[in-house]
Structure formats: structure tokens, C-alpha cells
C-alpha atoms as a PDB file:
ATOM      1  CA  UNK A   1     -17.561   8.819  35.348  1.00  0.00           C
ATOM      2  CA  UNK A   2     -13.934   9.948  34.908  1.00  0.00           C
ATOM      3  CA  UNK A   3     -12.376  10.153  31.470  1.00  0.00           C
ATOM      4  CA  UNK A   4      -8.842   8.893  31.070  1.00  0.00           C
ATOM      5  CA  UNK A   5      -6.110  11.426  30.283  1.00  0.00           C
ATOM      6  CA  UNK A   6      -5.665   9.765  26.883  1.00  0.00           C
ATOM      7  CA  UNK A   7      -9.371  10.281  26.041  1.00  0.00           C
ATOM      8  CA  UNK A   8      -9.220  13.943  27.060  1.00  0.00           C
ATOM      9  CA  UNK A   9      -6.015  14.618  25.078  1.00  0.00           C
ATOM     10  CA  UNK A  10      -7.304  12.777  22.002  1.00  0.00           C
ATOM     11  CA  UNK A  11     -10.601  14.710  22.179  1.00  0.00           C
ATOM     12  CA  UNK A  12      -8.697  18.000  22.315  1.00  0.00           C
ATOM     13  CA  UNK A  13      -6.493  17.007  19.372  1.00  0.00           C
ATOM     14  CA  UNK A  14      -9.526  16.125  17.304  1.00  0.00           C
ATOM     15  CA  UNK A  15     -11.300  19.361  18.281  1.00  0.00           C
ATOM     16  CA  UNK A  16      -8.273  21.476  17.311  1.00  0.00           C
ATOM     17  CA  UNK A  17      -7.884  19.549  14.062  1.00  0.00           C
ATOM     18  CA  UNK A  18     -11.570  19.951  13.307  1.00  0.00           C
ATOM     19  CA  UNK A  19     -11.390  23.702  13.875  1.00  0.00           C
ATOM     20  CA  UNK A  20      -8.362  24.113  11.624  1.00  0.00           C
ATOM     21  CA  UNK A  21      -9.840  21.995   8.850  1.00  0.00           C
ATOM     22  CA  UNK A  22     -13.260  23.621   9.134  1.00  0.00           C
ATOM     23  CA  UNK A  23     -11.646  27.011   8.563  1.00  0.00           C
ATOM     24  CA  UNK A  24     -10.525  25.801   5.146  1.00  0.00           C
ATOM     25  CA  UNK A  25      -6.832  25.470   5.894  1.00  0.00           C
ATOM     26  CA  UNK A  26      -6.686  22.283   3.839  1.00  0.00           C
ATOM     27  CA  UNK A  27      -9.197  21.638   1.100  1.00  0.00           C
ATOM     28  CA  UNK A  28      -7.645  18.262   0.238  1.00  0.00           C
ATOM     29  CA  UNK A  29      -6.172  17.069   3.526  1.00  0.00           C
ATOM     30  CA  UNK A  30      -5.164  13.599   2.463  1.00  0.00           C
ATOM     31  CA  UNK A  31      -1.987  11.874   1.317  1.00  0.00           C
ATOM     32  CA  UNK A  32      -0.996   8.717  -0.525  1.00  0.00           C
ATOM     33  CA  UNK A  33       2.367   7.142   0.250  1.00  0.00           C
ATOM     34  CA  UNK A  34       3.781   4.445  -2.015  1.00  0.00           C
ATOM     35  CA  UNK A  35       6.931   2.579  -1.185  1.00  0.00           C
ATOM     36  CA  UNK A  36       9.059  -0.489  -1.310  1.00  0.00           C
ATOM     37  CA  UNK A  37      10.505  -2.647   1.452  1.00  0.00           C
ATOM     38  CA  UNK A  38      14.256  -2.786   1.006  1.00  0.00           C
ATOM     39  CA  UNK A  39      15.443  -4.339   4.294  1.00  0.00           C
ATOM     40  CA  UNK A  40      13.894  -6.836   6.702  1.00  0.00           C
ATOM     41  CA  UNK A  41      16.048  -7.281   9.794  1.00  0.00           C
ATOM     42  CA  UNK A  42      14.926 -10.056  12.088  1.00  0.00           C
ATOM     43  CA  UNK A  43      15.728  -8.900  15.630  1.00  0.00           C
ATOM     44  CA  UNK A  44      14.427 -12.106  17.170  1.00  0.00           C
ATOM     45  CA  UNK A  45      12.185 -13.457  19.849  1.00  0.00           C
ATOM     46  CA  UNK A  46      10.840 -11.055  22.482  1.00  0.00           C
ATOM     47  CA  UNK A  47       8.265 -11.839  25.200  1.00  0.00           C
ATOM     48  CA  UNK A  48       5.366 -10.586  23.029  1.00  0.00           C
ATOM     49  CA  UNK A  49       6.395 -12.387  19.823  1.00  0.00           C
ATOM     50  CA  UNK A  50       8.915 -11.769  17.029  1.00  0.00           C
ATOM     51  CA  UNK A  51      10.506  -8.336  16.579  1.00  0.00           C
ATOM     52  CA  UNK A  52      11.622  -7.096  13.144  1.00  0.00           C
ATOM     53  CA  UNK A  53      12.932  -3.796  11.801  1.00  0.00           C
ATOM     54  CA  UNK A  54      11.549  -3.188   8.303  1.00  0.00           C
ATOM     55  CA  UNK A  55      13.044  -0.312   6.303  1.00  0.00           C
ATOM     56  CA  UNK A  56      11.167   1.211   3.386  1.00  0.00           C
ATOM     57  CA  UNK A  57      11.525   4.089   0.958  1.00  0.00           C
ATOM     58  CA  UNK A  58       9.192   5.688  -1.532  1.00  0.00           C
ATOM     59  CA  UNK A  59       7.249   8.807  -2.363  1.00  0.00           C
ATOM     60  CA  UNK A  60       4.074  10.663  -1.487  1.00  0.00           C
ATOM     61  CA  UNK A  61       2.277  10.321  -4.827  1.00  0.00           C
ATOM     62  CA  UNK A  62      -0.939  12.237  -4.099  1.00  0.00           C
ATOM     63  CA  UNK A  63      -2.266  14.887  -1.766  1.00  0.00           C
ATOM     64  CA  UNK A  64      -0.633  17.427   0.508  1.00  0.00           C
ATOM     65  CA  UNK A  65       2.967  16.290   0.151  1.00  0.00           C
ATOM     66  CA  UNK A  66       2.863  14.918  -3.421  1.00  0.00           C
ATOM     67  CA  UNK A  67       6.368  14.561  -4.787  1.00  0.00           C
ATOM     68  CA  UNK A  68       8.043  14.221  -1.384  1.00  0.00           C
ATOM     69  CA  UNK A  69      10.592  11.424  -1.162  1.00  0.00           C
ATOM     70  CA  UNK A  70      10.329   9.373   1.999  1.00  0.00           C
ATOM     71  CA  UNK A  71      12.207   6.909   4.165  1.00  0.00           C
ATOM     72  CA  UNK A  72      10.604   5.107   7.084  1.00  0.00           C
ATOM     73  CA  UNK A  73      11.180   2.252   9.477  1.00  0.00           C
ATOM     74  CA  UNK A  74       8.550  -0.083  10.872  1.00  0.00           C
ATOM     75  CA  UNK A  75       9.561  -1.408  14.291  1.00  0.00           C
ATOM     76  CA  UNK A  76       7.344  -4.419  13.679  1.00  0.00           C
ATOM     77  CA  UNK A  77       6.095  -6.863  16.269  1.00  0.00           C
ATOM     78  CA  UNK A  78       4.576 -10.124  15.050  1.00  0.00           C
ATOM     79  CA  UNK A  79       2.504 -11.167  18.024  1.00  0.00           C
ATOM     80  CA  UNK A  80       2.156 -14.759  19.158  1.00  0.00           C
ATOM     81  CA  UNK A  81      -1.307 -14.890  17.521  1.00  0.00           C
ATOM     82  CA  UNK A  82       0.094 -13.726  14.150  1.00  0.00           C
ATOM     83  CA  UNK A  83      -1.198 -10.129  14.192  1.00  0.00           C
ATOM     84  CA  UNK A  84       1.501  -7.691  13.069  1.00  0.00           C
ATOM     85  CA  UNK A  85       1.683  -4.524  15.183  1.00  0.00           C
ATOM     86  CA  UNK A  86       3.156  -1.470  13.408  1.00  0.00           C
ATOM     87  CA  UNK A  87       5.239   1.242  15.045  1.00  0.00           C
ATOM     88  CA  UNK A  88       6.491   3.429  12.191  1.00  0.00           C
ATOM     89  CA  UNK A  89       8.738   6.495  12.164  1.00  0.00           C
ATOM     90  CA  UNK A  90       9.294   8.328   8.885  1.00  0.00           C
ATOM     91  CA  UNK A  91      10.994  11.318   7.295  1.00  0.00           C
ATOM     92  CA  UNK A  92      10.172  13.004   3.983  1.00  0.00           C
ATOM     93  CA  UNK A  93      11.225  16.043   1.984  1.00  0.00           C
ATOM     94  CA  UNK A  94       9.331  17.730  -0.855  1.00  0.00           C
ATOM     95  CA  UNK A  95      11.084  19.071  -3.972  1.00  0.00           C
ATOM     96  CA  UNK A  96      10.774  22.630  -2.569  1.00  0.00           C
ATOM     97  CA  UNK A  97      12.538  21.619   0.672  1.00  0.00           C
ATOM     98  CA  UNK A  98       9.554  21.172   2.991  1.00  0.00           C
ATOM     99  CA  UNK A  99      10.478  18.548   5.572  1.00  0.00           C
ATOM    100  CA  UNK A 100       8.146  16.441   7.644  1.00  0.00           C
ATOM    101  CA  UNK A 101       8.249  13.530  10.029  1.00  0.00           C
ATOM    102  CA  UNK A 102       5.468  11.165  10.913  1.00  0.00           C
ATOM    103  CA  UNK A 103       4.492   8.365  13.249  1.00  0.00           C
ATOM    104  CA  UNK A 104       2.109   5.535  12.439  1.00  0.00           C
ATOM    105  CA  UNK A 105       0.586   3.102  14.926  1.00  0.00           C
ATOM    106  CA  UNK A 106      -1.569   0.269  13.708  1.00  0.00           C
ATOM    107  CA  UNK A 107      -1.745  -3.323  12.633  1.00  0.00           C
ATOM    108  CA  UNK A 108      -1.985  -5.569   9.620  1.00  0.00           C
ATOM    109  CA  UNK A 109      -2.866  -9.163   9.000  1.00  0.00           C
ATOM    110  CA  UNK A 110      -5.139 -11.394  10.969  1.00  0.00           C
ATOM    111  CA  UNK A 111      -4.508 -13.944  13.684  1.00  0.00           C
ATOM    112  CA  UNK A 112      -2.907 -16.953  12.054  1.00  0.00           C
ATOM    113  CA  UNK A 113      -1.450 -20.284  13.017  1.00  0.00           C
ATOM    114  CA  UNK A 114       1.069 -21.911  13.299  1.00  0.00           C
ATOM    115  CA  UNK A 115       2.508 -21.379  16.767  1.00  0.00           C
ATOM    116  CA  UNK A 116       5.180 -18.723  17.201  1.00  0.00           C
ATOM    117  CA  UNK A 117       8.031 -21.184  17.557  1.00  0.00           C
ATOM    118  CA  UNK A 118       7.235 -22.743  14.154  1.00  0.00           C
ATOM    119  CA  UNK A 119       7.168 -19.252  12.554  1.00  0.00           C
ATOM    120  CA  UNK A 120      10.517 -18.355  14.085  1.00  0.00           C
ATOM    121  CA  UNK A 121      12.096 -21.573  12.879  1.00  0.00           C
ATOM    122  CA  UNK A 122      10.737 -20.968   9.364  1.00  0.00           C
ATOM    123  CA  UNK A 123      11.967 -17.330   9.294  1.00  0.00           C
ATOM    124  CA  UNK A 124      15.466 -18.349  10.396  1.00  0.00           C
ATOM    125  CA  UNK A 125      15.765 -20.796   7.492  1.00  0.00           C
ATOM    126  CA  UNK A 126      18.047 -19.269   4.793  1.00  0.00           C
ATOM    127  CA  UNK A 127      15.532 -20.420   2.147  1.00  0.00           C
ATOM    128  CA  UNK A 128      12.599 -18.630   3.825  1.00  0.00           C
ATOM    129  CA  UNK A 129      10.453 -16.426   1.589  1.00  0.00           C
ATOM    130  CA  UNK A 130       7.612 -14.222   2.736  1.00  0.00           C
ATOM    131  CA  UNK A 131       4.214 -15.218   1.317  1.00  0.00           C
ATOM    132  CA  UNK A 132       2.874 -13.549  -1.829  1.00  0.00           C
ATOM    133  CA  UNK A 133      -0.249 -12.061  -0.236  1.00  0.00           C
ATOM    134  CA  UNK A 134      -1.725  -8.600   0.187  1.00  0.00           C
ATOM    135  CA  UNK A 135      -2.088  -7.680   3.855  1.00  0.00           C
ATOM    136  CA  UNK A 136      -4.416  -4.816   4.755  1.00  0.00           C
ATOM    137  CA  UNK A 137      -3.018  -1.990   6.941  1.00  0.00           C
ATOM    138  CA  UNK A 138      -5.076   0.006   9.463  1.00  0.00           C
ATOM    139  CA  UNK A 139      -4.269   2.614  12.090  1.00  0.00           C
ATOM    140  CA  UNK A 140      -3.601   6.243  13.005  1.00  0.00           C
ATOM    141  CA  UNK A 141      -0.825   8.658  12.029  1.00  0.00           C
ATOM    142  CA  UNK A 142       0.547  11.994  13.221  1.00  0.00           C
ATOM    143  CA  UNK A 143       2.614  14.395  11.095  1.00  0.00           C
ATOM    144  CA  UNK A 144       4.917  17.254  12.068  1.00  0.00           C
ATOM    145  CA  UNK A 145       6.436  20.008   9.939  1.00  0.00           C
ATOM    146  CA  UNK A 146       7.793  23.521  10.388  1.00  0.00           C
ATOM    147  CA  UNK A 147       6.290  24.677   7.045  1.00  0.00           C
ATOM    148  CA  UNK A 148       3.644  27.321   7.902  1.00  0.00           C
ATOM    149  CA  UNK A 149       1.400  26.380   4.967  1.00  0.00           C
ATOM    150  CA  UNK A 150       1.096  22.850   6.355  1.00  0.00           C
ATOM    151  CA  UNK A 151       1.078  23.769  10.050  1.00  0.00           C
ATOM    152  CA  UNK A 152      -2.426  22.378  10.555  1.00  0.00           C
ATOM    153  CA  UNK A 153      -1.069  18.808  10.157  1.00  0.00           C
ATOM    154  CA  UNK A 154       0.780  19.267  13.450  1.00  0.00           C
ATOM    155  CA  UNK A 155      -2.641  19.285  15.148  1.00  0.00           C
ATOM    156  CA  UNK A 156      -4.462  16.726  13.007  1.00  0.00           C
ATOM    157  CA  UNK A 157      -4.879  13.032  13.659  1.00  0.00           C
ATOM    158  CA  UNK A 158      -4.985  11.004  10.442  1.00  0.00           C
ATOM    159  CA  UNK A 159      -6.371   7.527   9.944  1.00  0.00           C
ATOM    160  CA  UNK A 160      -4.715   5.297   7.415  1.00  0.00           C
ATOM    161  CA  UNK A 161      -5.581   2.269   5.346  1.00  0.00           C
ATOM    162  CA  UNK A 162      -3.472   0.482   2.836  1.00  0.00           C
ATOM    163  CA  UNK A 163      -1.836  -2.735   1.784  1.00  0.00           C
ATOM    164  CA  UNK A 164       1.571  -4.380   1.809  1.00  0.00           C
ATOM    165  CA  UNK A 165       2.794  -7.445  -0.031  1.00  0.00           C
ATOM    166  CA  UNK A 166       5.595  -8.929   2.102  1.00  0.00           C
ATOM    167  CA  UNK A 167       7.029 -10.952  -0.806  1.00  0.00           C
ATOM    168  CA  UNK A 168       7.423  -8.175  -3.396  1.00  0.00           C
ATOM    169  CA  UNK A 169       7.647  -5.367  -0.813  1.00  0.00           C
ATOM    170  CA  UNK A 170       5.077  -3.084  -2.460  1.00  0.00           C
ATOM    171  CA  UNK A 171       3.322  -0.787   0.001  1.00  0.00           C
ATOM    172  CA  UNK A 172       0.549   1.769  -0.562  1.00  0.00           C
ATOM    173  CA  UNK A 173      -1.007   3.791   2.271  1.00  0.00           C
ATOM    174  CA  UNK A 174      -3.742   6.451   2.156  1.00  0.00           C
ATOM    175  CA  UNK A 175      -3.983   8.966   5.014  1.00  0.00           C
ATOM    176  CA  UNK A 176      -7.160  10.945   5.730  1.00  0.00           C
ATOM    177  CA  UNK A 177      -7.925  13.295   8.627  1.00  0.00           C
ATOM    178  CA  UNK A 178     -10.091  11.817  11.358  1.00  0.00           C
ATOM    179  CA  UNK A 179     -12.286  14.929  11.148  1.00  0.00           C
ATOM    180  CA  UNK A 180     -13.973  15.565   7.781  1.00  0.00           C
ATOM    181  CA  UNK A 181     -12.487  18.735   6.178  1.00  0.00           C
ATOM    182  CA  UNK A 182     -15.946  19.607   4.766  1.00  0.00           C
ATOM    183  CA  UNK A 183     -17.403  20.138   8.244  1.00  0.00           C
END
């Protein structure tokens, strides 16, 4: 049975991350990011669904990069079945000048009617308001930094969970390494 290249690469990433974390390079390898949506740009209909560019800003409030201010963009796809697929790119800087970038891939929401065309028509209405609901976020994230004290994050895959309220724009995401640091 052949393993796909993706499976092999992911296994190696997790093994490297596990080794780094097991050697105690990060006792508390987690982060909490809190932010606010400030721009929703409707790109429009694409073959897979509706494309939006959602811009957010906020701060890492807990964990490795606590105090870092952050800006990120979600290149969001609302699929025809209503599931929202995240493709996030972000940049942050800590008060001491440490810079980092990250990528998040995941989803939020559940399949939901009505059909795509009805959703598009509703979103194009100038009176449209997003619903006041809390949507759960799930996925994986990768961080990069040149700061030697945080170098292990360059080789660590993080899972994330969180929530976003599309009406008020509040977002809170918690990142944890896929491999338990206590191992």
C-alpha cells in the first residue's frame, strides 16, 4: 500500500514538531487570537459557490505571542451547500518586534439551505445583515517566524477551534499543537 506524498510530508512535520516539543522547547505551546471583522468584500459567484474577502484585526491575548497585534484576511468560500471554507493569511508583530505570519485552513458553519442563488440575491440586497449567530471554527494552522526563541513553530502543525459571530464580527480562535507538548 503506497502512502500519498501529502501523508508522508504531514507525518514528517508532525514527527519533527513532536521532537521539538518533547525536548521542552515550548512549555505552553498554544495561542489565543481575538479579533474583529472590519471589512466584508463580496467578490461574487464562482463555480464552487460565493467568494468573499473578509479582513480582520486583533491581538494574540494568550500564549506564545501574547500582546502581538495582528491583521489577517480570510479568502472565504461559501460553498453551494452552505459550508464556509476558510483560507486565511495573517501577519502579527509582538511589542518586542517579533514578527510572524500564519496560514489557516478550515471550515465553519454547517450545511444550510436555501439554495445558493437565494443566498446571493439576499447578500446583494443593500439592507442585508449577517445573522446574529455563533459559528464554530475548526481546522489547522502553520506559523512562521525568524525569532530563534520561537523557531519550533516553523515545524509545528497547530489545530484550531474557535467561534465567529458574522453580525457583530467578534472572533476568538485557540491554537494548540497537534502533538502534545507533554509527550
